[in-house]
Amino acid sequence: MIKSINKDLQSLKVKSQPANLNDIQVAKDLLDTLTAHQADCVGLAANMIGIHKRIIAVSLGPVNIAMLNPEITKKSHLYQTNEGCLSLSGTRLTNRYQQITVRYLDLNGKPQSLNLTDFAAEIVQHEIDHCNGVII
């Protein structure tokens, strides 16, 4: 189900709680909402739809995937970039890593790991920041 976007900064600053398989519908709602906003959005975190669980949905090329409890386990090549956010207006300067490895649970509860670079890595870092209550 497509959800409305949370723009309340106080709510967005709340650190999210770990997700479990009972939260799969939240992940599906995130994927639906991401698809609905695909013209101007490449990633969402659950707090962006008002639910403080560690769940993100990201667009990785032609595929949208949901990640439960994503965690960056490796990162390299720090750089600065300007990012926007569907919950905010404008862009802001932030630091990101060009290469990351992220571990997470998929929608079946199976552990997964992805090595990401460049823009895909940036998207995942932005959404994990949301899970941590960090806003650009």
C-alpha atoms as a PDB file:
ATOM      1  CA  MET A   1       0.000   0.000   0.000  1.00  0.00           C
ATOM      2  CA  ILE A   2       1.282   3.456  -0.896  1.00  0.00           C
ATOM      3  CA  LYS A   3       1.888   5.547   2.232  1.00  0.00           C
ATOM      4  CA  SER A   4       2.262   9.298   2.694  1.00  0.00           C
ATOM      5  CA  ILE A   5       5.733  10.750   3.238  1.00  0.00           C
ATOM      6  CA  ASN A   6       6.624  11.835   6.782  1.00  0.00           C
ATOM      7  CA  LYS A   7       8.131  15.340   6.803  1.00  0.00           C
ATOM      8  CA  ASP A   8       8.144  15.826  10.592  1.00  0.00           C
ATOM      9  CA  LEU A   9      11.813  16.423  11.484  1.00  0.00           C
ATOM     10  CA  GLN A  10      11.328  15.454  15.143  1.00  0.00           C
ATOM     11  CA  SER A  11       9.891  12.098  14.077  1.00  0.00           C
ATOM     12  CA  LEU A  12      12.632  11.571  11.489  1.00  0.00           C
ATOM     13  CA  LYS A  13      15.305  12.079  14.176  1.00  0.00           C
ATOM     14  CA  VAL A  14      14.020   9.112  16.214  1.00  0.00           C
ATOM     15  CA  LYS A  15      16.317   6.086  15.976  1.00  0.00           C
ATOM     16  CA  SER A  16      14.528   3.062  14.517  1.00  0.00           C
ATOM     17  CA  GLN A  17      14.078  -0.275  16.279  1.00  0.00           C
ATOM     18  CA  PRO A  18      15.230  -3.612  14.807  1.00  0.00           C
ATOM     19  CA  ALA A  19      12.808  -5.201  12.364  1.00  0.00           C
ATOM     20  CA  ASN A  20      11.642  -8.806  12.289  1.00  0.00           C
ATOM     21  CA  LEU A  21       9.554 -10.962   9.978  1.00  0.00           C
ATOM     22  CA  ASN A  22       6.364  -9.539  11.502  1.00  0.00           C
ATOM     23  CA  ASP A  23       7.336  -6.273   9.777  1.00  0.00           C
ATOM     24  CA  ILE A  24       7.263  -7.657   6.214  1.00  0.00           C
ATOM     25  CA  GLN A  25       4.134  -5.633   5.374  1.00  0.00           C
ATOM     26  CA  VAL A  26       6.035  -2.440   6.254  1.00  0.00           C
ATOM     27  CA  ALA A  27       8.743  -3.465   3.774  1.00  0.00           C
ATOM     28  CA  LYS A  28       6.109  -4.132   1.098  1.00  0.00           C
ATOM     29  CA  ASP A  29       4.497  -0.742   1.784  1.00  0.00           C
ATOM     30  CA  LEU A  30       7.927   0.884   1.413  1.00  0.00           C
ATOM     31  CA  LEU A  31       8.415  -0.824  -1.958  1.00  0.00           C
ATOM     32  CA  ASP A  32       4.940   0.307  -3.112  1.00  0.00           C
ATOM     33  CA  THR A  33       5.621   3.871  -1.951  1.00  0.00           C
ATOM     34  CA  LEU A  34       9.053   3.889  -3.616  1.00  0.00           C
ATOM     35  CA  THR A  35       7.480   2.767  -6.892  1.00  0.00           C
ATOM     36  CA  ALA A  36       4.837   5.499  -6.603  1.00  0.00           C
ATOM     37  CA  HIS A  37       7.580   8.133  -6.185  1.00  0.00           C
ATOM     38  CA  GLN A  38      10.056   6.683  -8.698  1.00  0.00           C
ATOM     39  CA  ALA A  39      10.169   9.925 -10.707  1.00  0.00           C
ATOM     40  CA  ASP A  40      11.839  11.775  -7.805  1.00  0.00           C
ATOM     41  CA  CYS A  41      12.977   9.145  -5.300  1.00  0.00           C
ATOM     42  CA  VAL A  42      15.509   6.275  -5.254  1.00  0.00           C
ATOM     43  CA  GLY A  43      15.211   5.138  -1.650  1.00  0.00           C
ATOM     44  CA  LEU A  44      13.039   5.205   1.446  1.00  0.00           C
ATOM     45  CA  ALA A  45      13.405   4.254   5.088  1.00  0.00           C
ATOM     46  CA  ALA A  46      10.464   3.108   7.194  1.00  0.00           C
ATOM     47  CA  ASN A  47      10.541   6.265   9.329  1.00  0.00           C
ATOM     48  CA  MET A  48       9.805   8.207   6.145  1.00  0.00           C
ATOM     49  CA  ILE A  49       6.350   6.583   6.218  1.00  0.00           C
ATOM     50  CA  GLY A  50       6.053   7.068   9.985  1.00  0.00           C
ATOM     51  CA  ILE A  51       7.198   3.629  11.186  1.00  0.00           C
ATOM     52  CA  HIS A  52      10.361   3.472  13.286  1.00  0.00           C
ATOM     53  CA  LYS A  53      11.699   0.098  12.185  1.00  0.00           C
ATOM     54  CA  ARG A  54      15.099  -0.619  10.593  1.00  0.00           C
ATOM     55  CA  ILE A  55      13.762  -1.251   7.101  1.00  0.00           C
ATOM     56  CA  ILE A  56      14.786   0.429   3.860  1.00  0.00           C
ATOM     57  CA  ALA A  57      13.728   0.119   0.225  1.00  0.00           C
ATOM     58  CA  VAL A  58      16.142   1.143  -2.510  1.00  0.00           C
ATOM     59  CA  SER A  59      16.163   1.337  -6.271  1.00  0.00           C
ATOM     60  CA  LEU A  60      19.230  -0.471  -7.592  1.00  0.00           C
ATOM     61  CA  GLY A  61      18.993   0.085 -11.317  1.00  0.00           C
ATOM     62  CA  PRO A  62      15.907  -1.676 -12.662  1.00  0.00           C
ATOM     63  CA  VAL A  63      15.243  -3.499  -9.367  1.00  0.00           C
ATOM     64  CA  ASN A  64      13.735  -2.232  -6.114  1.00  0.00           C
ATOM     65  CA  ILE A  65      14.705  -4.205  -3.038  1.00  0.00           C
ATOM     66  CA  ALA A  66      13.776  -4.068   0.622  1.00  0.00           C
ATOM     67  CA  MET A  67      16.335  -4.629   3.371  1.00  0.00           C
ATOM     68  CA  LEU A  68      15.536  -5.460   6.973  1.00  0.00           C
ATOM     69  CA  ASN A  69      18.138  -4.413   9.546  1.00  0.00           C
ATOM     70  CA  PRO A  70      20.706  -3.230   6.991  1.00  0.00           C
ATOM     71  CA  GLU A  71      24.209  -2.811   8.349  1.00  0.00           C
ATOM     72  CA  ILE A  72      27.309  -1.518   6.589  1.00  0.00           C
ATOM     73  CA  THR A  73      30.141  -3.931   7.297  1.00  0.00           C
ATOM     74  CA  LYS A  74      32.795  -2.435   5.034  1.00  0.00           C
ATOM     75  CA  LYS A  75      33.325   1.035   3.561  1.00  0.00           C
ATOM     76  CA  SER A  76      36.057   2.824   1.635  1.00  0.00           C
ATOM     77  CA  HIS A  77      36.873   5.972  -0.356  1.00  0.00           C
ATOM     78  CA  LEU A  78      35.219   8.837   1.508  1.00  0.00           C
ATOM     79  CA  TYR A  79      33.928  11.753  -0.605  1.00  0.00           C
ATOM     80  CA  GLN A  80      31.535  14.716  -0.338  1.00  0.00           C
ATOM     81  CA  THR A  81      28.325  15.017  -2.309  1.00  0.00           C
ATOM     82  CA  ASN A  82      25.062  16.951  -2.397  1.00  0.00           C
ATOM     83  CA  GLU A  83      21.959  14.920  -1.604  1.00  0.00           C
ATOM     84  CA  GLY A  84      18.261  15.555  -1.615  1.00  0.00           C
ATOM     85  CA  CYS A  85      15.562  13.805   0.392  1.00  0.00           C
ATOM     86  CA  LEU A  86      11.864  13.305  -0.218  1.00  0.00           C
ATOM     87  CA  SER A  87      11.217  14.391   3.388  1.00  0.00           C
ATOM     88  CA  LEU A  88      13.131  17.680   2.975  1.00  0.00           C
ATOM     89  CA  SER A  89      13.329  20.511   0.488  1.00  0.00           C
ATOM     90  CA  GLY A  90      16.557  21.302  -1.337  1.00  0.00           C
ATOM     91  CA  THR A  91      19.894  19.521  -1.129  1.00  0.00           C
ATOM     92  CA  ARG A  92      22.591  19.350   1.509  1.00  0.00           C
ATOM     93  CA  LEU A  93      26.300  18.558   1.526  1.00  0.00           C
ATOM     94  CA  THR A  94      27.159  15.226   3.146  1.00  0.00           C
ATOM     95  CA  ASN A  95      29.963  12.675   3.358  1.00  0.00           C
ATOM     96  CA  ARG A  96      29.591   9.238   1.764  1.00  0.00           C
ATOM     97  CA  TYR A  97      31.759   6.253   0.931  1.00  0.00           C
ATOM     98  CA  GLN A  98      32.194   5.221  -2.689  1.00  0.00           C
ATOM     99  CA  GLN A  99      32.279   1.494  -1.882  1.00  0.00           C
ATOM    100  CA  ILE A 100      30.336  -0.354   0.809  1.00  0.00           C
ATOM    101  CA  THR A 101      29.312  -3.841   1.793  1.00  0.00           C
ATOM    102  CA  VAL A 102      25.864  -4.071   3.364  1.00  0.00           C
ATOM    103  CA  ARG A 103      24.387  -7.039   5.243  1.00  0.00           C
ATOM    104  CA  TYR A 104      20.635  -7.379   5.678  1.00  0.00           C
ATOM    105  CA  LEU A 105      17.705  -9.768   5.815  1.00  0.00           C
ATOM    106  CA  ASP A 106      15.578 -10.161   2.690  1.00  0.00           C
ATOM    107  CA  LEU A 107      11.788 -10.466   2.691  1.00  0.00           C
ATOM    108  CA  ASN A 108      12.112 -14.200   3.397  1.00  0.00           C
ATOM    109  CA  GLY A 109      14.272 -13.573   6.454  1.00  0.00           C
ATOM    110  CA  LYS A 110      17.396 -14.889   4.738  1.00  0.00           C
ATOM    111  CA  PRO A 111      20.717 -13.125   5.379  1.00  0.00           C
ATOM    112  CA  GLN A 112      22.102 -11.340   2.314  1.00  0.00           C
ATOM    113  CA  SER A 113      25.189  -9.292   1.549  1.00  0.00           C
ATOM    114  CA  LEU A 114      25.771  -6.821  -1.276  1.00  0.00           C
ATOM    115  CA  ASN A 115      28.877  -4.996  -2.430  1.00  0.00           C
ATOM    116  CA  LEU A 116      27.784  -1.616  -3.777  1.00  0.00           C
ATOM    117  CA  THR A 117      29.615   1.270  -5.397  1.00  0.00           C
ATOM    118  CA  ASP A 118      28.961   4.839  -6.449  1.00  0.00           C
ATOM    119  CA  PHE A 119      25.307   5.969  -6.514  1.00  0.00           C
ATOM    120  CA  ALA A 120      23.887   2.632  -5.303  1.00  0.00           C
ATOM    121  CA  ALA A 121      26.200   2.805  -2.272  1.00  0.00           C
ATOM    122  CA  GLU A 122      25.172   6.422  -1.671  1.00  0.00           C
ATOM    123  CA  ILE A 123      21.461   5.516  -1.671  1.00  0.00           C
ATOM    124  CA  VAL A 124      21.903   2.742   0.892  1.00  0.00           C
ATOM    125  CA  GLN A 125      24.037   4.963   3.162  1.00  0.00           C
ATOM    126  CA  HIS A 126      21.400   7.725   3.037  1.00  0.00           C
ATOM    127  CA  GLU A 127      18.601   5.336   4.012  1.00  0.00           C
ATOM    128  CA  ILE A 128      20.624   3.674   6.789  1.00  0.00           C
ATOM    129  CA  ASP A 129      21.268   7.175   8.153  1.00  0.00           C
ATOM    130  CA  HIS A 130      17.472   7.587   8.326  1.00  0.00           C
ATOM    131  CA  CYS A 131      17.259   4.375  10.386  1.00  0.00           C
ATOM    132  CA  ASN A 132      19.768   5.929  12.773  1.00  0.00           C
ATOM    133  CA  GLY A 133      17.781   9.161  13.062  1.00  0.00           C
ATOM    134  CA  VAL A 134      20.367  11.051  11.001  1.00  0.00           C
ATOM    135  CA  ILE A 135      19.034  13.559   8.484  1.00  0.00           C
ATOM    136  CA  ILE A 136      21.266  15.103   5.810  1.00  0.00           C
END
